[in-house]
Amino acid sequence: MKKSKKELSSEELCRVIVNGMFERKASDIVVMDLRKIHNAITDFFVICSGSSDTQTDAISVSVDEEVEKASGQSPWHKEGLQNREWILLDFVDVVVHIFKKDRREFY
């Protein structure tokens, strides 16, 4: 029988995501709490930068793996995995933005 995983609060999910970012040496990590914003689409944005497309990809894989280990949850939606300049992982309550450093500076 498969062991059920723990359901994480949005705050706990943020901590797991940030840990996954640290595992791959992400830089400029910012956690934005959006819970007090009326009609916000999510509870948190977690944003970080990588120095290359290889690193942004590695960060996204690490975040995905850390969340899977902690909760059994996978992103509801993923974008940007082809060009790896701005990767979005949507965990519904937490949305992750992983930018290649020059893309983040542009936006």
PDB file of N, CA and C in Angstrom:
ATOM      1  N   MET A   1       0.832  -1.167   0.000  1.00  0.00           N
ATOM      2  CA  MET A   1       0.000   0.000   0.000  1.00  0.00           C
ATOM      3  C   MET A   1       0.888   1.246   0.000  1.00  0.00           C
ATOM      4  N   LYS A   2       0.546   2.233  -0.840  1.00  0.00           N
ATOM      5  CA  LYS A   2       1.330   3.445  -0.956  1.00  0.00           C
ATOM      6  C   LYS A   2       1.055   4.348   0.238  1.00  0.00           C
ATOM      7  N   LYS A   3       2.122   4.875   0.799  1.00  0.00           N
ATOM      8  CA  LYS A   3       2.023   5.767   1.935  1.00  0.00           C
ATOM      9  C   LYS A   3       1.516   7.128   1.473  1.00  0.00           C
ATOM     10  N   SER A   4       0.502   7.672   2.129  1.00  0.00           N
ATOM     11  CA  SER A   4      -0.020   8.970   1.727  1.00  0.00           C
ATOM     12  C   SER A   4       0.916  10.066   2.227  1.00  0.00           C
ATOM     13  N   LYS A   5       1.006  11.117   1.467  1.00  0.00           N
ATOM     14  CA  LYS A   5       1.888  12.227   1.802  1.00  0.00           C
ATOM     15  C   LYS A   5       1.109  13.292   2.554  1.00  0.00           C
ATOM     16  N   LYS A   6       1.830  14.132   3.243  1.00  0.00           N
ATOM     17  CA  LYS A   6       1.266  15.201   4.041  1.00  0.00           C
ATOM     18  C   LYS A   6       0.780  16.344   3.157  1.00  0.00           C
ATOM     19  N   GLU A   7      -0.391  16.881   3.463  1.00  0.00           N
ATOM     20  CA  GLU A   7      -0.860  18.078   2.784  1.00  0.00           C
ATOM     21  C   GLU A   7      -0.220  19.277   3.457  1.00  0.00           C
ATOM     22  N   LEU A   8       0.420  20.115   2.665  1.00  0.00           N
ATOM     23  CA  LEU A   8       1.143  21.252   3.196  1.00  0.00           C
ATOM     24  C   LEU A   8       0.315  22.523   3.127  1.00  0.00           C
ATOM     25  N   SER A   9       0.458  23.389   4.137  1.00  0.00           N
ATOM     26  CA  SER A   9      -0.129  24.723   4.060  1.00  0.00           C
ATOM     27  C   SER A   9       0.669  25.517   3.029  1.00  0.00           C
ATOM     28  N   SER A  10       0.153  26.644   2.595  1.00  0.00           N
ATOM     29  CA  SER A  10       0.879  27.438   1.602  1.00  0.00           C
ATOM     30  C   SER A  10       2.209  27.944   2.173  1.00  0.00           C
ATOM     31  N   GLU A  11       2.254  28.242   3.479  1.00  0.00           N
ATOM     32  CA  GLU A  11       3.515  28.670   4.102  1.00  0.00           C
ATOM     33  C   GLU A  11       4.535  27.531   4.097  1.00  0.00           C
ATOM     34  N   GLU A  12       4.097  26.327   4.450  1.00  0.00           N
ATOM     35  CA  GLU A  12       4.991  25.163   4.440  1.00  0.00           C
ATOM     36  C   GLU A  12       5.476  24.869   3.024  1.00  0.00           C
ATOM     37  N   LEU A  13       4.574  24.977   2.059  1.00  0.00           N
ATOM     38  CA  LEU A  13       4.934  24.753   0.666  1.00  0.00           C
ATOM     39  C   LEU A  13       6.012  25.748   0.227  1.00  0.00           C
ATOM     40  N   CYS A  14       5.895  27.003   0.646  1.00  0.00           N
ATOM     41  CA  CYS A  14       6.916  28.010   0.330  1.00  0.00           C
ATOM     42  C   CYS A  14       8.272  27.601   0.875  1.00  0.00           C
ATOM     43  N   ARG A  15       8.305  27.114   2.107  1.00  0.00           N
ATOM     44  CA  ARG A  15       9.575  26.697   2.715  1.00  0.00           C
ATOM     45  C   ARG A  15      10.212  25.552   1.929  1.00  0.00           C
ATOM     46  N   VAL A  16       9.400  24.607   1.496  1.00  0.00           N
ATOM     47  CA  VAL A  16       9.908  23.480   0.712  1.00  0.00           C
ATOM     48  C   VAL A  16      10.438  23.977  -0.635  1.00  0.00           C
ATOM     49  N   ILE A  17       9.724  24.879  -1.258  1.00  0.00           N
ATOM     50  CA  ILE A  17      10.126  25.431  -2.554  1.00  0.00           C
ATOM     51  C   ILE A  17      11.447  26.183  -2.423  1.00  0.00           C
ATOM     52  N   VAL A  18      11.554  27.023  -1.404  1.00  0.00           N
ATOM     53  CA  VAL A  18      12.794  27.777  -1.189  1.00  0.00           C
ATOM     54  C   VAL A  18      13.958  26.822  -0.929  1.00  0.00           C
ATOM     55  N   ASN A  19      13.714  25.759  -0.186  1.00  0.00           N
ATOM     56  CA  ASN A  19      14.758  24.759   0.039  1.00  0.00           C
ATOM     57  C   ASN A  19      15.225  24.151  -1.283  1.00  0.00           C
ATOM     58  N   GLY A  20      14.285  23.828  -2.163  1.00  0.00           N
ATOM     59  CA  GLY A  20      14.637  23.301  -3.478  1.00  0.00           C
ATOM     60  C   GLY A  20      15.463  24.289  -4.287  1.00  0.00           C
ATOM     61  N   MET A  21      15.165  25.575  -4.132  1.00  0.00           N
ATOM     62  CA  MET A  21      15.939  26.615  -4.813  1.00  0.00           C
ATOM     63  C   MET A  21      17.360  26.682  -4.257  1.00  0.00           C
ATOM     64  N   PHE A  22      17.473  26.645  -2.928  1.00  0.00           N
ATOM     65  CA  PHE A  22      18.799  26.662  -2.296  1.00  0.00           C
ATOM     66  C   PHE A  22      19.642  25.470  -2.725  1.00  0.00           C
ATOM     67  N   GLU A  23      18.999  24.319  -2.913  1.00  0.00           N
ATOM     68  CA  GLU A  23      19.720  23.107  -3.308  1.00  0.00           C
ATOM     69  C   GLU A  23      20.484  23.305  -4.619  1.00  0.00           C
ATOM     70  N   ARG A  24      19.992  24.161  -5.480  1.00  0.00           N
ATOM     71  CA  ARG A  24      20.636  24.408  -6.780  1.00  0.00           C
ATOM     72  C   ARG A  24      21.216  25.812  -6.871  1.00  0.00           C
ATOM     73  N   LYS A  25      21.474  26.410  -5.711  1.00  0.00           N
ATOM     74  CA  LYS A  25      22.151  27.697  -5.605  1.00  0.00           C
ATOM     75  C   LYS A  25      21.458  28.824  -6.371  1.00  0.00           C
ATOM     76  N   ALA A  26      20.132  28.871  -6.284  1.00  0.00           N
ATOM     77  CA  ALA A  26      19.389  29.979  -6.879  1.00  0.00           C
ATOM     78  C   ALA A  26      19.784  31.276  -6.181  1.00  0.00           C
ATOM     79  N   SER A  27      19.693  32.380  -6.879  1.00  0.00           N
ATOM     80  CA  SER A  27      20.031  33.672  -6.290  1.00  0.00           C
ATOM     81  C   SER A  27      18.803  34.571  -6.235  1.00  0.00           C
ATOM     82  N   ASP A  28      18.913  35.624  -5.447  1.00  0.00           N
ATOM     83  CA  ASP A  28      17.867  36.652  -5.335  1.00  0.00           C
ATOM     84  C   ASP A  28      16.478  36.056  -5.080  1.00  0.00           C
ATOM     85  N   ILE A  29      16.377  35.168  -4.111  1.00  0.00           N
ATOM     86  CA  ILE A  29      15.098  34.524  -3.793  1.00  0.00           C
ATOM     87  C   ILE A  29      14.206  35.513  -3.044  1.00  0.00           C
ATOM     88  N   VAL A  30      12.983  35.675  -3.543  1.00  0.00           N
ATOM     89  CA  VAL A  30      11.999  36.571  -2.934  1.00  0.00           C
ATOM     90  C   VAL A  30      10.699  35.791  -2.760  1.00  0.00           C
ATOM     91  N   VAL A  31      10.123  35.881  -1.564  1.00  0.00           N
ATOM     92  CA  VAL A  31       8.810  35.294  -1.291  1.00  0.00           C
ATOM     93  C   VAL A  31       7.841  36.449  -1.103  1.00  0.00           C
ATOM     94  N   MET A  32       6.831  36.509  -1.955  1.00  0.00           N
ATOM     95  CA  MET A  32       5.819  37.581  -1.883  1.00  0.00           C
ATOM     96  C   MET A  32       4.519  37.004  -1.343  1.00  0.00           C
ATOM     97  N   ASP A  33       4.088  37.513  -0.195  1.00  0.00           N
ATOM     98  CA  ASP A  33       2.833  37.086   0.423  1.00  0.00           C
ATOM     99  C   ASP A  33       1.705  37.917  -0.167  1.00  0.00           C
ATOM    100  N   LEU A  34       0.815  37.273  -0.903  1.00  0.00           N
ATOM    101  CA  LEU A  34      -0.283  37.962  -1.584  1.00  0.00           C
ATOM    102  C   LEU A  34      -1.631  37.753  -0.897  1.00  0.00           C
ATOM    103  N   ARG A  35      -1.628  37.112   0.268  1.00  0.00           N
ATOM    104  CA  ARG A  35      -2.884  36.724   0.909  1.00  0.00           C
ATOM    105  C   ARG A  35      -3.760  37.908   1.306  1.00  0.00           C
ATOM    106  N   LYS A  36      -3.184  39.067   1.550  1.00  0.00           N
ATOM    107  CA  LYS A  36      -3.986  40.232   1.951  1.00  0.00           C
ATOM    108  C   LYS A  36      -4.439  41.079   0.767  1.00  0.00           C
ATOM    109  N   ILE A  37      -4.059  40.655  -0.427  1.00  0.00           N
ATOM    110  CA  ILE A  37      -4.463  41.373  -1.632  1.00  0.00           C
ATOM    111  C   ILE A  37      -5.797  40.813  -2.103  1.00  0.00           C
ATOM    112  N   HIS A  38      -6.780  41.686  -2.188  1.00  0.00           N
ATOM    113  CA  HIS A  38      -8.125  41.277  -2.601  1.00  0.00           C
ATOM    114  C   HIS A  38      -8.092  40.667  -4.007  1.00  0.00           C
ATOM    115  N   ASN A  39      -8.697  39.498  -4.153  1.00  0.00           N
ATOM    116  CA  ASN A  39      -8.798  38.765  -5.419  1.00  0.00           C
ATOM    117  C   ASN A  39      -7.455  38.299  -5.977  1.00  0.00           C
ATOM    118  N   ALA A  40      -6.458  38.131  -5.133  1.00  0.00           N
ATOM    119  CA  ALA A  40      -5.177  37.598  -5.602  1.00  0.00           C
ATOM    120  C   ALA A  40      -5.390  36.180  -6.127  1.00  0.00           C
ATOM    121  N   ILE A  41      -4.660  35.831  -7.164  1.00  0.00           N
ATOM    122  CA  ILE A  41      -4.854  34.522  -7.797  1.00  0.00           C
ATOM    123  C   ILE A  41      -4.178  33.383  -7.037  1.00  0.00           C
ATOM    124  N   THR A  42      -3.312  33.724  -6.081  1.00  0.00           N
ATOM    125  CA  THR A  42      -2.573  32.727  -5.324  1.00  0.00           C
ATOM    126  C   THR A  42      -2.206  33.312  -3.971  1.00  0.00           C
ATOM    127  N   ASP A  43      -1.736  32.482  -3.064  1.00  0.00           N
ATOM    128  CA  ASP A  43      -1.310  32.967  -1.749  1.00  0.00           C
ATOM    129  C   ASP A  43       0.089  33.571  -1.786  1.00  0.00           C
ATOM    130  N   PHE A  44       0.993  32.947  -2.544  1.00  0.00           N
ATOM    131  CA  PHE A  44       2.383  33.391  -2.589  1.00  0.00           C
ATOM    132  C   PHE A  44       2.947  33.304  -4.000  1.00  0.00           C
ATOM    133  N   PHE A  45       3.848  34.242  -4.317  1.00  0.00           N
ATOM    134  CA  PHE A  45       4.764  34.129  -5.438  1.00  0.00           C
ATOM    135  C   PHE A  45       6.133  33.873  -4.817  1.00  0.00           C
ATOM    136  N   VAL A  46       6.866  32.912  -5.353  1.00  0.00           N
ATOM    137  CA  VAL A  46       8.255  32.699  -4.956  1.00  0.00           C
ATOM    138  C   VAL A  46       9.081  32.876  -6.224  1.00  0.00           C
ATOM    139  N   ILE A  47      10.011  33.826  -6.169  1.00  0.00           N
ATOM    140  CA  ILE A  47      10.771  34.226  -7.349  1.00  0.00           C
ATOM    141  C   ILE A  47      12.260  34.033  -7.072  1.00  0.00           C
ATOM    142  N   CYS A  48      12.978  33.546  -8.066  1.00  0.00           N
ATOM    143  CA  CYS A  48      14.433  33.424  -7.937  1.00  0.00           C
ATOM    144  C   CYS A  48      15.075  33.570  -9.307  1.00  0.00           C
ATOM    145  N   SER A  49      16.405  33.623  -9.285  1.00  0.00           N
ATOM    146  CA  SER A  49      17.176  33.738 -10.524  1.00  0.00           C
ATOM    147  C   SER A  49      18.199  32.617 -10.612  1.00  0.00           C
ATOM    148  N   GLY A  50      18.517  32.266 -11.854  1.00  0.00           N
ATOM    149  CA  GLY A  50      19.604  31.348 -12.157  1.00  0.00           C
ATOM    150  C   GLY A  50      20.527  32.015 -13.148  1.00  0.00           C
ATOM    151  N   SER A  51      21.771  31.626 -13.156  1.00  0.00           N
ATOM    152  CA  SER A  51      22.748  32.303 -14.011  1.00  0.00           C
ATOM    153  C   SER A  51      22.780  31.784 -15.451  1.00  0.00           C
ATOM    154  N   SER A  52      22.159  30.630 -15.703  1.00  0.00           N
ATOM    155  CA  SER A  52      22.157  30.060 -17.051  1.00  0.00           C
ATOM    156  C   SER A  52      20.857  29.276 -17.264  1.00  0.00           C
ATOM    157  N   ASP A  53      20.591  28.923 -18.514  1.00  0.00           N
ATOM    158  CA  ASP A  53      19.406  28.115 -18.775  1.00  0.00           C
ATOM    159  C   ASP A  53      19.528  26.736 -18.132  1.00  0.00           C
ATOM    160  N   THR A  54      20.749  26.225 -18.046  1.00  0.00           N
ATOM    161  CA  THR A  54      20.967  24.938 -17.374  1.00  0.00           C
ATOM    162  C   THR A  54      20.623  25.041 -15.894  1.00  0.00           C
ATOM    163  N   GLN A  55      21.039  26.135 -15.260  1.00  0.00           N
ATOM    164  CA  GLN A  55      20.741  26.300 -13.838  1.00  0.00           C
ATOM    165  C   GLN A  55      19.242  26.529 -13.608  1.00  0.00           C
ATOM    166  N   THR A  56      18.579  27.309 -14.450  1.00  0.00           N
ATOM    167  CA  THR A  56      17.137  27.512 -14.254  1.00  0.00           C
ATOM    168  C   THR A  56      16.396  26.184 -14.366  1.00  0.00           C
ATOM    169  N   ASP A  57      16.825  25.352 -15.302  1.00  0.00           N
ATOM    170  CA  ASP A  57      16.225  24.027 -15.439  1.00  0.00           C
ATOM    171  C   ASP A  57      16.481  23.180 -14.189  1.00  0.00           C
ATOM    172  N   ALA A  58      17.707  23.206 -13.693  1.00  0.00           N
ATOM    173  CA  ALA A  58      18.057  22.429 -12.502  1.00  0.00           C
ATOM    174  C   ALA A  58      17.269  22.905 -11.285  1.00  0.00           C
ATOM    175  N   ILE A  59      17.067  24.201 -11.168  1.00  0.00           N
ATOM    176  CA  ILE A  59      16.273  24.744 -10.057  1.00  0.00           C
ATOM    177  C   ILE A  59      14.840  24.238 -10.141  1.00  0.00           C
ATOM    178  N   SER A  60      14.257  24.275 -11.336  1.00  0.00           N
ATOM    179  CA  SER A  60      12.865  23.824 -11.485  1.00  0.00           C
ATOM    180  C   SER A  60      12.727  22.338 -11.144  1.00  0.00           C
ATOM    181  N   VAL A  61      13.695  21.533 -11.561  1.00  0.00           N
ATOM    182  CA  VAL A  61      13.669  20.105 -11.250  1.00  0.00           C
ATOM    183  C   VAL A  61      13.795  19.900  -9.739  1.00  0.00           C
ATOM    184  N   SER A  62      14.683  20.645  -9.104  1.00  0.00           N
ATOM    185  CA  SER A  62      14.887  20.527  -7.662  1.00  0.00           C
ATOM    186  C   SER A  62      13.626  20.915  -6.886  1.00  0.00           C
ATOM    187  N   VAL A  63      12.998  22.015  -7.275  1.00  0.00           N
ATOM    188  CA  VAL A  63      11.759  22.448  -6.616  1.00  0.00           C
ATOM    189  C   VAL A  63      10.697  21.372  -6.769  1.00  0.00           C
ATOM    190  N   ASP A  64      10.533  20.883  -7.987  1.00  0.00           N
ATOM    191  CA  ASP A  64       9.549  19.835  -8.272  1.00  0.00           C
ATOM    192  C   ASP A  64       9.803  18.595  -7.405  1.00  0.00           C
ATOM    193  N   GLU A  65      11.061  18.163  -7.327  1.00  0.00           N
ATOM    194  CA  GLU A  65      11.407  16.975  -6.541  1.00  0.00           C
ATOM    195  C   GLU A  65      11.190  17.190  -5.045  1.00  0.00           C
ATOM    196  N   GLU A  66      11.558  18.359  -4.525  1.00  0.00           N
ATOM    197  CA  GLU A  66      11.397  18.639  -3.090  1.00  0.00           C
ATOM    198  C   GLU A  66       9.919  18.656  -2.706  1.00  0.00           C
ATOM    199  N   VAL A  67       9.086  19.258  -3.537  1.00  0.00           N
ATOM    200  CA  VAL A  67       7.648  19.300  -3.254  1.00  0.00           C
ATOM    201  C   VAL A  67       7.057  17.896  -3.335  1.00  0.00           C
ATOM    202  N   GLU A  68       7.470  17.125  -4.330  1.00  0.00           N
ATOM    203  CA  GLU A  68       7.002  15.743  -4.475  1.00  0.00           C
ATOM    204  C   GLU A  68       7.358  14.914  -3.250  1.00  0.00           C
ATOM    205  N   LYS A  69       8.603  15.044  -2.766  1.00  0.00           N
ATOM    206  CA  LYS A  69       9.037  14.296  -1.577  1.00  0.00           C
ATOM    207  C   LYS A  69       8.245  14.700  -0.332  1.00  0.00           C
ATOM    208  N   ALA A  70       7.993  15.996  -0.184  1.00  0.00           N
ATOM    209  CA  ALA A  70       7.346  16.502   1.028  1.00  0.00           C
ATOM    210  C   ALA A  70       5.844  16.263   1.053  1.00  0.00           C
ATOM    211  N   SER A  71       5.212  16.299  -0.129  1.00  0.00           N
ATOM    212  CA  SER A  71       3.747  16.263  -0.130  1.00  0.00           C
ATOM    213  C   SER A  71       3.127  15.334  -1.168  1.00  0.00           C
ATOM    214  N   GLY A  72       3.924  14.837  -2.090  1.00  0.00           N
ATOM    215  CA  GLY A  72       3.367  14.026  -3.168  1.00  0.00           C
ATOM    216  C   GLY A  72       2.707  14.864  -4.249  1.00  0.00           C
ATOM    217  N   GLN A  73       2.796  16.176  -4.121  1.00  0.00           N
ATOM    218  CA  GLN A  73       2.134  17.102  -5.043  1.00  0.00           C
ATOM    219  C   GLN A  73       3.043  17.423  -6.226  1.00  0.00           C
ATOM    220  N   SER A  74       2.447  17.541  -7.391  1.00  0.00           N
ATOM    221  CA  SER A  74       3.135  17.997  -8.596  1.00  0.00           C
ATOM    222  C   SER A  74       2.527  19.325  -9.014  1.00  0.00           C
ATOM    223  N   PRO A  75       3.270  20.122  -9.787  1.00  0.00           N
ATOM    224  CA  PRO A  75       2.685  21.391 -10.239  1.00  0.00           C
ATOM    225  C   PRO A  75       1.418  21.151 -11.054  1.00  0.00           C
ATOM    226  N   TRP A  76       0.435  21.996 -10.847  1.00  0.00           N
ATOM    227  CA  TRP A  76      -0.802  21.941 -11.616  1.00  0.00           C
ATOM    228  C   TRP A  76      -0.513  22.337 -13.062  1.00  0.00           C
ATOM    229  N   HIS A  77       0.431  23.261 -13.232  1.00  0.00           N
ATOM    230  CA  HIS A  77       0.769  23.753 -14.566  1.00  0.00           C
ATOM    231  C   HIS A  77       2.239  24.150 -14.595  1.00  0.00           C
ATOM    232  N   LYS A  78       2.893  23.927 -15.736  1.00  0.00           N
ATOM    233  CA  LYS A  78       4.285  24.329 -15.942  1.00  0.00           C
ATOM    234  C   LYS A  78       4.382  25.083 -17.259  1.00  0.00           C
ATOM    235  N   GLU A  79       5.222  26.112 -17.275  1.00  0.00           N
ATOM    236  CA  GLU A  79       5.486  26.851 -18.512  1.00  0.00           C
ATOM    237  C   GLU A  79       6.965  27.196 -18.589  1.00  0.00           C
ATOM    238  N   GLY A  80       7.470  27.369 -19.796  1.00  0.00           N
ATOM    239  CA  GLY A  80       8.822  27.858 -20.016  1.00  0.00           C
ATOM    240  C   GLY A  80       9.915  26.809 -19.968  1.00  0.00           C
ATOM    241  N   LEU A  81       9.543  25.545 -19.921  1.00  0.00           N
ATOM    242  CA  LEU A  81      10.565  24.499 -19.818  1.00  0.00           C
ATOM    243  C   LEU A  81      11.360  24.335 -21.110  1.00  0.00           C
ATOM    244  N   GLN A  82      10.813  24.791 -22.224  1.00  0.00           N
ATOM    245  CA  GLN A  82      11.524  24.668 -23.503  1.00  0.00           C
ATOM    246  C   GLN A  82      12.681  25.659 -23.607  1.00  0.00           C
ATOM    247  N   ASN A  83      12.409  26.951 -23.331  1.00  0.00           N
ATOM    248  CA  ASN A  83      13.465  27.957 -23.505  1.00  0.00           C
ATOM    249  C   ASN A  83      14.261  28.211 -22.232  1.00  0.00           C
ATOM    250  N   ARG A  84      13.723  27.848 -21.072  1.00  0.00           N
ATOM    251  CA  ARG A  84      14.401  27.895 -19.776  1.00  0.00           C
ATOM    252  C   ARG A  84      14.909  29.282 -19.408  1.00  0.00           C
ATOM    253  N   GLU A  85      14.245  30.325 -19.887  1.00  0.00           N
ATOM    254  CA  GLU A  85      14.615  31.687 -19.507  1.00  0.00           C
ATOM    255  C   GLU A  85      13.692  32.222 -18.414  1.00  0.00           C
ATOM    256  N   TRP A  86      12.448  31.768 -18.398  1.00  0.00           N
ATOM    257  CA  TRP A  86      11.484  32.125 -17.364  1.00  0.00           C
ATOM    258  C   TRP A  86      10.590  30.905 -17.194  1.00  0.00           C
ATOM    259  N   ILE A  87      10.819  30.165 -16.135  1.00  0.00           N
ATOM    260  CA  ILE A  87      10.046  28.954 -15.875  1.00  0.00           C
ATOM    261  C   ILE A  87       9.016  29.254 -14.800  1.00  0.00           C
ATOM    262  N   LEU A  88       7.791  28.849 -15.050  1.00  0.00           N
ATOM    263  CA  LEU A  88       6.701  29.025 -14.100  1.00  0.00           C
ATOM    264  C   LEU A  88       6.217  27.650 -13.659  1.00  0.00           C
ATOM    265  N   LEU A  89       6.154  27.443 -12.343  1.00  0.00           N
ATOM    266  CA  LEU A  89       5.576  26.234 -11.764  1.00  0.00           C
ATOM    267  C   LEU A  89       4.397  26.669 -10.915  1.00  0.00           C
ATOM    268  N   ASP A  90       3.202  26.233 -11.266  1.00  0.00           N
ATOM    269  CA  ASP A  90       1.987  26.649 -10.570  1.00  0.00           C
ATOM    270  C   ASP A  90       1.511  25.531  -9.656  1.00  0.00           C
ATOM    271  N   PHE A  91       1.686  25.746  -8.358  1.00  0.00           N
ATOM    272  CA  PHE A  91       1.212  24.794  -7.359  1.00  0.00           C
ATOM    273  C   PHE A  91      -0.129  25.259  -6.761  1.00  0.00           C
ATOM    274  N   VAL A  92      -0.846  26.106  -7.456  1.00  0.00           N
ATOM    275  CA  VAL A  92      -2.132  26.694  -7.115  1.00  0.00           C
ATOM    276  C   VAL A  92      -2.001  27.707  -5.968  1.00  0.00           C
ATOM    277  N   ASP A  93      -1.684  27.249  -4.753  1.00  0.00           N
ATOM    278  CA  ASP A  93      -1.550  28.180  -3.624  1.00  0.00           C
ATOM    279  C   ASP A  93      -0.225  28.934  -3.654  1.00  0.00           C
ATOM    280  N   VAL A  94       0.736  28.413  -4.378  1.00  0.00           N
ATOM    281  CA  VAL A  94       2.048  29.045  -4.527  1.00  0.00           C
ATOM    282  C   VAL A  94       2.451  28.948  -5.997  1.00  0.00           C
ATOM    283  N   VAL A  95       2.835  30.090  -6.562  1.00  0.00           N
ATOM    284  CA  VAL A  95       3.310  30.126  -7.941  1.00  0.00           C
ATOM    285  C   VAL A  95       4.791  30.477  -7.923  1.00  0.00           C
ATOM    286  N   VAL A  96       5.585  29.654  -8.604  1.00  0.00           N
ATOM    287  CA  VAL A  96       7.037  29.787  -8.622  1.00  0.00           C
ATOM    288  C   VAL A  96       7.473  30.376  -9.962  1.00  0.00           C
ATOM    289  N   HIS A  97       8.326  31.408  -9.875  1.00  0.00           N
ATOM    290  CA  HIS A  97       8.905  32.027 -11.065  1.00  0.00           C
ATOM    291  C   HIS A  97      10.414  31.856 -10.975  1.00  0.00           C
ATOM    292  N   ILE A  98      11.000  31.180 -11.955  1.00  0.00           N
ATOM    293  CA  ILE A  98      12.440  30.965 -11.998  1.00  0.00           C
ATOM    294  C   ILE A  98      12.956  31.661 -13.256  1.00  0.00           C
ATOM    295  N   PHE A  99      13.674  32.752 -13.041  1.00  0.00           N
ATOM    296  CA  PHE A  99      14.159  33.561 -14.156  1.00  0.00           C
ATOM    297  C   PHE A  99      15.634  33.315 -14.421  1.00  0.00           C
ATOM    298  N   LYS A 100      16.009  33.318 -15.687  1.00  0.00           N
ATOM    299  CA  LYS A 100      17.412  33.479 -16.034  1.00  0.00           C
ATOM    300  C   LYS A 100      17.740  34.926 -15.675  1.00  0.00           C
ATOM    301  N   LYS A 101      18.891  35.141 -15.081  1.00  0.00           N
ATOM    302  CA  LYS A 101      19.222  36.440 -14.485  1.00  0.00           C
ATOM    303  C   LYS A 101      18.948  37.630 -15.405  1.00  0.00           C
ATOM    304  N   ASP A 102      19.352  37.584 -16.675  1.00  0.00           N
ATOM    305  CA  ASP A 102      19.140  38.712 -17.570  1.00  0.00           C
ATOM    306  C   ASP A 102      17.667  38.934 -17.893  1.00  0.00           C
ATOM    307  N   ARG A 103      16.869  37.875 -17.922  1.00  0.00           N
ATOM    308  CA  ARG A 103      15.429  38.011 -18.151  1.00  0.00           C
ATOM    309  C   ARG A 103      14.763  38.705 -16.965  1.00  0.00           C
ATOM    310  N   ARG A 104      15.170  38.334 -15.768  1.00  0.00           N
ATOM    311  CA  ARG A 104      14.591  38.952 -14.572  1.00  0.00           C
ATOM    312  C   ARG A 104      14.918  40.443 -14.539  1.00  0.00           C
ATOM    313  N   GLU A 105      16.131  40.796 -14.894  1.00  0.00           N
ATOM    314  CA  GLU A 105      16.505  42.220 -14.932  1.00  0.00           C
ATOM    315  C   GLU A 105      15.651  42.968 -15.934  1.00  0.00           C
ATOM    316  N   PHE A 106      15.334  42.326 -17.075  1.00  0.00           N
ATOM    317  CA  PHE A 106      14.505  42.968 -18.106  1.00  0.00           C
ATOM    318  C   PHE A 106      13.085  43.206 -17.597  1.00  0.00           C
ATOM    319  N   TYR A 107      12.498  42.213 -16.909  1.00  0.00           N
ATOM    320  CA  TYR A 107      11.127  42.325 -16.426  1.00  0.00           C
ATOM    321  C   TYR A 107      11.082  42.964 -15.066  1.00  0.00           C
TER     322      TYR A 107
END
